Amino acid sequence: MEKYELLYILPAKYTEAEAKVMSDKIGGLVKAAGGVVSETHDMGKRKLAYPIKHARNGNFILNYFEAESAVLAKINDTLRMSPDILRHLIVTRDPLITKIPSLADEPEGERRPMMRRPDERDVRAERPAVSAVRTVPVQQTPVATKEAPITMEELDKKLDQILTEEVL
């Protein structure tokens, strides 16, 4: 049996008790399909990046379970057809990540850096620095000097002069 993670989002219209009932129902769905749920974590209510099915907030729930790979398609199809789930995602569980991220403890505006496996490299560190980029010489234009501010009378005289000139 393989180890998997199931993250799903319930609409925020459900109370905590109703969300717990839905979580138990989905756990029963996994068990009925032949899986074994080991852990369930309620990660709290969060604002969604964009509205999904007219919902702007959602309750994130994370399940860890074990199942055969042939069972995943059945679980995925059942969750996709459920009207009570906004989004869901099933991925294989990474054995190197042992701590569960808590979205409920994180302030709304802050972003946490992505978690990486030890064997992954940071691609951003390999980008060339701005100074290493080839620059193209630009023709120098004369720098305009600051002129004294023009008064309204001077501006009116100039405008009258332009308007009275004959157009060729």
N, C-alpha and C. Protein backbone atom coordinates (compact mmCIF):
# COMPACT_ATOMS: atom_id res chain seq x y z
N MET A 1 0.84 -1.19 0.00
CA MET A 1 0.00 0.00 0.00
C MET A 1 0.88 1.25 0.00
N GLU A 2 0.48 2.22 -0.80
CA GLU A 2 1.20 3.49 -0.89
C GLU A 2 0.60 4.50 0.11
N LYS A 3 1.42 5.46 0.50
CA LYS A 3 0.95 6.52 1.40
C LYS A 3 0.61 7.75 0.58
N TYR A 4 -0.55 8.36 0.87
CA TYR A 4 -1.03 9.51 0.12
C TYR A 4 -1.50 10.61 1.05
N GLU A 5 -1.57 11.82 0.49
CA GLU A 5 -2.16 12.97 1.16
C GLU A 5 -3.38 13.39 0.37
N LEU A 6 -4.43 13.74 1.06
CA LEU A 6 -5.64 14.27 0.43
C LEU A 6 -5.93 15.60 1.09
N LEU A 7 -5.86 16.67 0.33
CA LEU A 7 -6.21 18.00 0.81
C LEU A 7 -7.48 18.42 0.08
N TYR A 8 -8.48 18.83 0.84
CA TYR A 8 -9.71 19.29 0.20
C TYR A 8 -10.21 20.54 0.92
N ILE A 9 -11.01 21.30 0.18
CA ILE A 9 -11.54 22.57 0.68
C ILE A 9 -13.05 22.48 0.73
N LEU A 10 -13.59 22.72 1.92
CA LEU A 10 -15.04 22.78 2.10
C LEU A 10 -15.46 24.24 2.15
N PRO A 11 -16.67 24.57 1.70
CA PRO A 11 -17.11 25.96 1.79
C PRO A 11 -17.16 26.44 3.24
N ALA A 12 -16.91 27.70 3.47
CA ALA A 12 -16.88 28.25 4.82
C ALA A 12 -18.28 28.38 5.41
N LYS A 13 -19.31 28.10 4.62
CA LYS A 13 -20.68 28.19 5.14
C LYS A 13 -20.96 27.12 6.18
N TYR A 14 -20.15 26.06 6.20
CA TYR A 14 -20.33 25.00 7.19
C TYR A 14 -19.73 25.40 8.53
N THR A 15 -20.42 25.04 9.62
CA THR A 15 -19.88 25.28 10.95
C THR A 15 -18.80 24.23 11.22
N GLU A 16 -18.11 24.38 12.35
CA GLU A 16 -17.05 23.41 12.68
C GLU A 16 -17.63 22.01 12.84
N ALA A 17 -18.81 21.91 13.44
CA ALA A 17 -19.43 20.59 13.64
C ALA A 17 -19.81 19.97 12.29
N GLU A 18 -20.35 20.80 11.39
CA GLU A 18 -20.72 20.29 10.07
C GLU A 18 -19.48 19.90 9.26
N ALA A 19 -18.41 20.68 9.41
CA ALA A 19 -17.15 20.36 8.72
C ALA A 19 -16.59 19.05 9.26
N LYS A 20 -16.73 18.81 10.56
CA LYS A 20 -16.26 17.55 11.16
C LYS A 20 -17.06 16.37 10.61
N VAL A 21 -18.38 16.56 10.45
CA VAL A 21 -19.23 15.50 9.89
C VAL A 21 -18.82 15.21 8.45
N MET A 22 -18.56 16.28 7.67
CA MET A 22 -18.12 16.10 6.28
C MET A 22 -16.77 15.41 6.22
N SER A 23 -15.87 15.77 7.14
CA SER A 23 -14.56 15.13 7.18
C SER A 23 -14.68 13.64 7.48
N ASP A 24 -15.55 13.29 8.42
CA ASP A 24 -15.78 11.88 8.74
C ASP A 24 -16.40 11.14 7.55
N LYS A 25 -17.29 11.83 6.84
CA LYS A 25 -17.93 11.24 5.65
C LYS A 25 -16.89 10.94 4.57
N ILE A 26 -15.96 11.87 4.36
CA ILE A 26 -14.92 11.67 3.35
C ILE A 26 -13.94 10.59 3.80
N GLY A 27 -13.65 10.55 5.10
CA GLY A 27 -12.82 9.47 5.63
C GLY A 27 -13.49 8.11 5.42
N GLY A 28 -14.81 8.05 5.60
CA GLY A 28 -15.56 6.82 5.34
C GLY A 28 -15.53 6.45 3.87
N LEU A 29 -15.53 7.46 3.00
CA LEU A 29 -15.45 7.23 1.56
C LEU A 29 -14.11 6.57 1.20
N VAL A 30 -13.03 7.05 1.81
CA VAL A 30 -11.71 6.47 1.55
C VAL A 30 -11.67 5.04 2.07
N LYS A 31 -12.24 4.82 3.24
CA LYS A 31 -12.26 3.46 3.81
C LYS A 31 -13.11 2.52 2.95
N ALA A 32 -14.23 3.01 2.44
CA ALA A 32 -15.10 2.19 1.60
C ALA A 32 -14.41 1.81 0.29
N ALA A 33 -13.52 2.68 -0.19
CA ALA A 33 -12.81 2.39 -1.44
C ALA A 33 -11.63 1.44 -1.22
N GLY A 34 -11.30 1.16 0.03
CA GLY A 34 -10.21 0.22 0.31
C GLY A 34 -8.98 0.87 0.92
N GLY A 35 -9.09 2.11 1.34
CA GLY A 35 -7.97 2.80 1.96
C GLY A 35 -8.07 2.80 3.47
N VAL A 36 -6.99 3.22 4.12
CA VAL A 36 -6.95 3.31 5.57
C VAL A 36 -6.49 4.73 5.93
N VAL A 37 -7.38 5.50 6.57
CA VAL A 37 -7.05 6.87 6.96
C VAL A 37 -6.24 6.82 8.25
N SER A 38 -5.04 7.43 8.23
CA SER A 38 -4.21 7.42 9.42
C SER A 38 -4.34 8.71 10.23
N GLU A 39 -4.42 9.85 9.58
CA GLU A 39 -4.52 11.13 10.29
C GLU A 39 -5.45 12.07 9.54
N THR A 40 -6.11 12.94 10.29
CA THR A 40 -6.94 14.00 9.72
C THR A 40 -6.62 15.29 10.46
N HIS A 41 -6.33 16.34 9.71
CA HIS A 41 -5.99 17.63 10.31
C HIS A 41 -6.87 18.72 9.71
N ASP A 42 -7.54 19.46 10.61
CA ASP A 42 -8.30 20.62 10.17
C ASP A 42 -7.33 21.80 10.17
N MET A 43 -7.06 22.35 8.99
CA MET A 43 -6.07 23.42 8.88
C MET A 43 -6.70 24.81 8.98
N GLY A 44 -7.98 24.89 9.23
CA GLY A 44 -8.62 26.17 9.49
C GLY A 44 -9.27 26.79 8.27
N LYS A 45 -9.98 27.88 8.53
CA LYS A 45 -10.65 28.62 7.47
C LYS A 45 -9.71 29.67 6.94
N ARG A 46 -9.66 29.79 5.61
CA ARG A 46 -8.78 30.75 4.94
C ARG A 46 -9.54 31.41 3.80
N LYS A 47 -9.07 32.59 3.43
CA LYS A 47 -9.62 33.27 2.27
C LYS A 47 -9.01 32.64 1.02
N LEU A 48 -9.84 32.35 0.04
CA LEU A 48 -9.37 31.75 -1.20
C LEU A 48 -8.78 32.82 -2.11
N ALA A 49 -7.88 32.43 -2.97
CA ALA A 49 -7.25 33.38 -3.89
C ALA A 49 -8.25 33.92 -4.90
N TYR A 50 -9.23 33.12 -5.25
CA TYR A 50 -10.26 33.54 -6.18
C TYR A 50 -11.54 32.78 -5.82
N PRO A 51 -12.71 33.32 -6.17
CA PRO A 51 -13.95 32.63 -5.81
C PRO A 51 -14.09 31.30 -6.53
N ILE A 52 -14.52 30.29 -5.80
CA ILE A 52 -14.78 28.97 -6.35
C ILE A 52 -16.23 28.63 -6.01
N LYS A 53 -17.03 28.41 -7.02
CA LYS A 53 -18.46 28.12 -6.84
C LYS A 53 -19.12 29.18 -5.95
N HIS A 54 -18.79 30.43 -6.19
CA HIS A 54 -19.31 31.60 -5.48
C HIS A 54 -18.89 31.64 -4.01
N ALA A 55 -17.90 30.89 -3.61
CA ALA A 55 -17.40 30.92 -2.24
C ALA A 55 -16.06 31.66 -2.21
N ARG A 56 -15.91 32.56 -1.26
CA ARG A 56 -14.66 33.33 -1.15
C ARG A 56 -13.77 32.82 -0.02
N ASN A 57 -14.32 32.01 0.88
CA ASN A 57 -13.56 31.44 1.98
C ASN A 57 -13.78 29.94 2.01
N GLY A 58 -12.80 29.23 2.55
CA GLY A 58 -12.93 27.78 2.60
C GLY A 58 -12.26 27.21 3.83
N ASN A 59 -12.70 26.03 4.21
CA ASN A 59 -12.13 25.30 5.33
C ASN A 59 -11.22 24.20 4.77
N PHE A 60 -9.93 24.29 5.03
CA PHE A 60 -8.95 23.36 4.49
C PHE A 60 -8.79 22.17 5.44
N ILE A 61 -8.89 20.96 4.89
CA ILE A 61 -8.73 19.74 5.68
C ILE A 61 -7.74 18.83 4.97
N LEU A 62 -6.80 18.29 5.74
CA LEU A 62 -5.75 17.43 5.22
C LEU A 62 -5.90 16.04 5.81
N ASN A 63 -5.96 15.02 4.95
CA ASN A 63 -6.03 13.62 5.36
C ASN A 63 -4.79 12.89 4.89
N TYR A 64 -4.22 12.07 5.75
CA TYR A 64 -3.16 11.14 5.37
C TYR A 64 -3.80 9.76 5.33
N PHE A 65 -3.57 9.04 4.22
CA PHE A 65 -4.16 7.71 4.14
C PHE A 65 -3.24 6.79 3.34
N GLU A 66 -3.50 5.50 3.47
CA GLU A 66 -2.79 4.47 2.71
C GLU A 66 -3.81 3.74 1.86
N ALA A 67 -3.42 3.49 0.61
CA ALA A 67 -4.32 2.78 -0.30
C ALA A 67 -3.52 2.23 -1.47
N GLU A 68 -4.13 1.32 -2.20
CA GLU A 68 -3.54 0.81 -3.42
C GLU A 68 -3.70 1.86 -4.51
N SER A 69 -2.80 1.87 -5.46
CA SER A 69 -2.86 2.89 -6.51
C SER A 69 -4.10 2.72 -7.40
N ALA A 70 -4.63 1.52 -7.50
CA ALA A 70 -5.82 1.29 -8.32
C ALA A 70 -7.06 1.94 -7.71
N VAL A 71 -7.04 2.20 -6.42
CA VAL A 71 -8.20 2.75 -5.72
C VAL A 71 -8.29 4.28 -5.90
N LEU A 72 -7.18 4.92 -6.23
CA LEU A 72 -7.15 6.38 -6.31
C LEU A 72 -8.13 6.95 -7.32
N ALA A 73 -8.28 6.32 -8.45
CA ALA A 73 -9.19 6.82 -9.48
C ALA A 73 -10.63 6.85 -8.96
N LYS A 74 -11.01 5.84 -8.21
CA LYS A 74 -12.36 5.77 -7.66
C LYS A 74 -12.57 6.89 -6.63
N ILE A 75 -11.60 7.08 -5.75
CA ILE A 75 -11.69 8.14 -4.74
C ILE A 75 -11.74 9.51 -5.43
N ASN A 76 -10.87 9.71 -6.40
CA ASN A 76 -10.80 10.98 -7.12
C ASN A 76 -12.12 11.29 -7.82
N ASP A 77 -12.71 10.31 -8.50
CA ASP A 77 -13.97 10.52 -9.20
C ASP A 77 -15.11 10.85 -8.24
N THR A 78 -15.14 10.18 -7.11
CA THR A 78 -16.19 10.43 -6.13
C THR A 78 -16.06 11.84 -5.54
N LEU A 79 -14.84 12.25 -5.23
CA LEU A 79 -14.63 13.59 -4.67
C LEU A 79 -14.93 14.68 -5.71
N ARG A 80 -14.60 14.42 -6.96
CA ARG A 80 -14.85 15.40 -8.02
C ARG A 80 -16.35 15.62 -8.20
N MET A 81 -17.15 14.59 -8.03
CA MET A 81 -18.59 14.70 -8.24
C MET A 81 -19.33 15.24 -7.01
N SER A 82 -18.66 15.34 -5.88
CA SER A 82 -19.30 15.81 -4.66
C SER A 82 -19.55 17.32 -4.72
N PRO A 83 -20.78 17.77 -4.52
CA PRO A 83 -21.05 19.21 -4.57
C PRO A 83 -20.57 19.95 -3.32
N ASP A 84 -20.25 19.21 -2.25
CA ASP A 84 -19.83 19.84 -1.00
C ASP A 84 -18.34 20.18 -0.96
N ILE A 85 -17.56 19.72 -1.92
CA ILE A 85 -16.12 19.96 -1.93
C ILE A 85 -15.80 20.97 -3.03
N LEU A 86 -15.13 22.06 -2.64
CA LEU A 86 -14.77 23.08 -3.63
C LEU A 86 -13.63 22.60 -4.51
N ARG A 87 -12.55 22.12 -3.89
CA ARG A 87 -11.39 21.59 -4.61
C ARG A 87 -10.79 20.47 -3.77
N HIS A 88 -10.09 19.56 -4.45
CA HIS A 88 -9.37 18.51 -3.75
C HIS A 88 -8.11 18.16 -4.53
N LEU A 89 -7.15 17.56 -3.83
CA LEU A 89 -5.91 17.16 -4.45
C LEU A 89 -5.37 15.94 -3.70
N ILE A 90 -5.02 14.92 -4.46
CA ILE A 90 -4.42 13.71 -3.89
C ILE A 90 -3.00 13.60 -4.44
N VAL A 91 -2.02 13.52 -3.56
CA VAL A 91 -0.62 13.37 -3.95
C VAL A 91 0.03 12.29 -3.10
N THR A 92 1.12 11.74 -3.60
CA THR A 92 1.86 10.76 -2.79
C THR A 92 2.53 11.50 -1.65
N ARG A 93 2.57 10.86 -0.51
CA ARG A 93 3.13 11.48 0.69
C ARG A 93 4.64 11.45 0.64
N ASP A 94 5.27 12.58 0.88
CA ASP A 94 6.72 12.69 0.90
C ASP A 94 7.21 12.22 2.27
N PRO A 95 8.03 11.19 2.34
CA PRO A 95 8.47 10.67 3.64
C PRO A 95 9.41 11.63 4.37
N LEU A 96 10.00 12.61 3.66
CA LEU A 96 10.94 13.52 4.30
C LEU A 96 10.23 14.64 5.05
N ILE A 97 8.99 14.94 4.69
CA ILE A 97 8.25 15.99 5.39
C ILE A 97 7.46 15.35 6.51
N THR A 98 7.81 15.72 7.73
CA THR A 98 7.15 15.13 8.89
C THR A 98 6.26 16.12 9.61
N LYS A 99 6.54 17.43 9.49
CA LYS A 99 5.74 18.44 10.16
C LYS A 99 4.61 18.89 9.25
N ILE A 100 3.43 19.00 9.80
CA ILE A 100 2.27 19.43 9.04
C ILE A 100 2.19 20.95 9.12
N PRO A 101 2.15 21.66 7.99
CA PRO A 101 2.05 23.12 8.04
C PRO A 101 0.70 23.54 8.58
N SER A 102 0.69 24.51 9.45
CA SER A 102 -0.55 24.98 10.04
C SER A 102 -0.93 26.30 9.41
N LEU A 103 -1.94 26.30 8.57
CA LEU A 103 -2.41 27.53 7.95
C LEU A 103 -3.18 28.38 8.94
N ALA A 104 -3.73 27.77 9.98
CA ALA A 104 -4.52 28.52 10.95
C ALA A 104 -3.65 29.44 11.78
N ASP A 105 -2.39 29.08 12.04
CA ASP A 105 -1.50 29.89 12.86
C ASP A 105 -0.81 30.99 12.08
N GLU A 106 -0.79 30.88 10.77
CA GLU A 106 -0.08 31.85 9.92
C GLU A 106 -0.93 33.09 9.71
N PRO A 107 -0.35 34.30 9.88
CA PRO A 107 -1.12 35.52 9.61
C PRO A 107 -1.56 35.58 8.16
N GLU A 108 -2.67 36.25 7.92
CA GLU A 108 -3.31 36.27 6.59
C GLU A 108 -2.40 36.85 5.51
N GLY A 109 -1.65 37.92 5.80
CA GLY A 109 -0.89 38.60 4.77
C GLY A 109 0.48 38.00 4.49
N GLU A 110 1.02 37.21 5.40
CA GLU A 110 2.38 36.69 5.23
C GLU A 110 2.40 35.46 4.33
N ARG A 111 3.53 35.27 3.66
CA ARG A 111 3.71 34.08 2.84
C ARG A 111 4.90 33.32 3.38
N ARG A 112 4.75 32.03 3.47
CA ARG A 112 5.82 31.18 3.95
C ARG A 112 6.62 30.70 2.74
N PRO A 113 7.96 30.61 2.86
CA PRO A 113 8.73 30.09 1.72
C PRO A 113 8.37 28.64 1.44
N MET A 114 8.51 28.26 0.17
CA MET A 114 8.19 26.89 -0.21
C MET A 114 9.10 25.90 0.50
N MET A 115 8.54 24.76 0.87
CA MET A 115 9.35 23.70 1.48
C MET A 115 9.99 22.90 0.35
N ARG A 116 11.28 22.61 0.49
CA ARG A 116 11.98 21.84 -0.53
C ARG A 116 12.59 20.60 0.11
N ARG A 117 12.73 19.61 -0.73
CA ARG A 117 13.46 18.43 -0.30
C ARG A 117 14.95 18.76 -0.30
N PRO A 118 15.74 18.06 0.49
CA PRO A 118 17.17 18.36 0.55
C PRO A 118 17.90 18.20 -0.77
N ASP A 119 17.41 17.36 -1.66
CA ASP A 119 18.11 17.13 -2.92
C ASP A 119 17.74 18.15 -4.00
N GLU A 120 16.76 19.02 -3.74
CA GLU A 120 16.37 20.02 -4.73
C GLU A 120 17.28 21.23 -4.63
N ARG A 121 17.51 21.88 -5.77
CA ARG A 121 18.35 23.06 -5.77
C ARG A 121 17.48 24.29 -5.91
N ASP A 122 18.00 25.41 -5.50
CA ASP A 122 17.29 26.67 -5.59
C ASP A 122 17.60 27.31 -6.93
N VAL A 123 16.63 27.33 -7.81
CA VAL A 123 16.82 27.84 -9.16
C VAL A 123 17.03 29.35 -9.14
N ARG A 124 16.39 30.03 -8.19
CA ARG A 124 16.53 31.48 -8.13
C ARG A 124 17.97 31.90 -7.86
N ALA A 125 18.72 31.09 -7.12
CA ALA A 125 20.11 31.43 -6.81
C ALA A 125 21.00 31.33 -8.04
N GLU A 126 20.57 30.58 -9.05
CA GLU A 126 21.39 30.39 -10.24
C GLU A 126 21.13 31.43 -11.32
N ARG A 127 20.16 32.31 -11.11
CA ARG A 127 19.90 33.35 -12.09
C ARG A 127 21.05 34.35 -12.10
N PRO A 128 21.37 34.90 -13.27
CA PRO A 128 22.45 35.89 -13.30
C PRO A 128 22.03 37.17 -12.60
N ALA A 129 22.99 37.81 -11.98
CA ALA A 129 22.71 39.06 -11.29
C ALA A 129 22.42 40.14 -12.32
N VAL A 130 21.80 41.19 -11.89
CA VAL A 130 21.43 42.27 -12.80
C VAL A 130 22.66 42.90 -13.41
N SER A 131 23.75 42.99 -12.65
CA SER A 131 24.95 43.62 -13.18
C SER A 131 25.62 42.76 -14.24
N ALA A 132 25.34 41.48 -14.28
CA ALA A 132 25.96 40.59 -15.25
C ALA A 132 25.25 40.64 -16.60
N VAL A 133 24.10 41.28 -16.67
CA VAL A 133 23.35 41.36 -17.91
C VAL A 133 24.02 42.39 -18.82
N ARG A 134 24.13 42.06 -20.10
CA ARG A 134 24.76 42.95 -21.06
C ARG A 134 23.91 44.20 -21.26
N THR A 135 24.54 45.35 -21.20
CA THR A 135 23.80 46.59 -21.38
C THR A 135 24.10 47.17 -22.75
N VAL A 136 23.13 47.80 -23.33
CA VAL A 136 23.28 48.42 -24.65
C VAL A 136 23.49 49.91 -24.43
N PRO A 137 24.52 50.52 -25.06
CA PRO A 137 24.73 51.94 -24.85
C PRO A 137 23.57 52.75 -25.44
N VAL A 138 23.20 53.77 -24.74
CA VAL A 138 22.09 54.62 -25.13
C VAL A 138 22.66 55.99 -25.49
N GLN A 139 22.12 56.60 -26.56
CA GLN A 139 22.58 57.93 -26.93
C GLN A 139 22.20 58.90 -25.84
N GLN A 140 23.16 59.73 -25.50
CA GLN A 140 22.90 60.68 -24.45
C GLN A 140 22.12 61.86 -25.00
N THR A 141 21.09 62.22 -24.30
CA THR A 141 20.29 63.37 -24.68
C THR A 141 20.67 64.52 -23.77
N PRO A 142 20.61 65.74 -24.28
CA PRO A 142 20.97 66.86 -23.42
C PRO A 142 20.00 66.94 -22.25
N VAL A 143 20.56 67.22 -21.11
CA VAL A 143 19.77 67.31 -19.90
C VAL A 143 19.10 68.67 -19.86
N ALA A 144 17.80 68.66 -19.65
CA ALA A 144 17.06 69.92 -19.60
C ALA A 144 17.33 70.59 -18.27
N THR A 145 17.61 71.88 -18.33
CA THR A 145 17.84 72.63 -17.11
C THR A 145 16.51 73.19 -16.63
N LYS A 146 16.43 73.41 -15.36
CA LYS A 146 15.20 73.94 -14.81
C LYS A 146 15.08 75.41 -15.19
N GLU A 147 13.94 75.75 -15.75
CA GLU A 147 13.67 77.12 -16.11
C GLU A 147 12.81 77.75 -15.03
N ALA A 148 12.83 79.05 -15.00
CA ALA A 148 12.00 79.76 -14.03
C ALA A 148 10.54 79.52 -14.37
N PRO A 149 9.70 79.42 -13.37
CA PRO A 149 8.27 79.19 -13.65
C PRO A 149 7.67 80.36 -14.42
N ILE A 150 6.77 80.04 -15.32
CA ILE A 150 6.12 81.05 -16.15
C ILE A 150 4.87 81.53 -15.44
N THR A 151 4.65 82.83 -15.48
CA THR A 151 3.45 83.39 -14.86
C THR A 151 2.27 83.23 -15.80
N MET A 152 1.10 83.41 -15.26
CA MET A 152 -0.12 83.25 -16.05
C MET A 152 -0.20 84.33 -17.14
N GLU A 153 0.26 85.55 -16.84
CA GLU A 153 0.20 86.62 -17.84
C GLU A 153 1.09 86.28 -19.03
N GLU A 154 2.30 85.78 -18.74
CA GLU A 154 3.22 85.41 -19.82
C GLU A 154 2.64 84.28 -20.66
N LEU A 155 2.00 83.34 -19.99
CA LEU A 155 1.39 82.21 -20.68
C LEU A 155 0.24 82.69 -21.57
N ASP A 156 -0.59 83.63 -21.08
CA ASP A 156 -1.69 84.17 -21.89
C ASP A 156 -1.17 84.92 -23.11
N LYS A 157 -0.10 85.71 -22.93
CA LYS A 157 0.48 86.44 -24.06
C LYS A 157 0.98 85.47 -25.13
N LYS A 158 1.67 84.43 -24.70
CA LYS A 158 2.21 83.44 -25.63
C LYS A 158 1.07 82.73 -26.38
N LEU A 159 0.01 82.40 -25.67
CA LEU A 159 -1.14 81.73 -26.27
C LEU A 159 -1.84 82.65 -27.28
N ASP A 160 -2.01 83.94 -26.93
CA ASP A 160 -2.61 84.89 -27.87
C ASP A 160 -1.76 85.03 -29.12
N GLN A 161 -0.45 85.05 -28.96
CA GLN A 161 0.46 85.18 -30.09
C GLN A 161 0.34 83.98 -31.03
N ILE A 162 0.25 82.78 -30.48
CA ILE A 162 0.13 81.56 -31.28
C ILE A 162 -1.21 81.54 -32.02
N LEU A 163 -2.27 81.97 -31.34
CA LEU A 163 -3.61 81.92 -31.94
C LEU A 163 -3.79 82.98 -33.02
N THR A 164 -3.10 84.12 -32.93
CA THR A 164 -3.27 85.17 -33.93
C THR A 164 -2.39 84.98 -35.15
N GLU A 165 -1.41 84.12 -35.08
CA GLU A 165 -0.56 83.86 -36.26
C GLU A 165 -1.40 83.18 -37.34
N GLU A 166 -1.06 83.49 -38.53
CA GLU A 166 -1.77 82.87 -39.65
C GLU A 166 -1.25 81.46 -39.86
N VAL A 167 -2.17 80.56 -40.10
CA VAL A 167 -1.82 79.17 -40.34
C VAL A 167 -1.47 79.04 -41.81
N LEU A 168 -0.32 78.52 -42.14
CA LEU A 168 0.11 78.39 -43.53
C LEU A 168 -0.53 77.20 -44.19
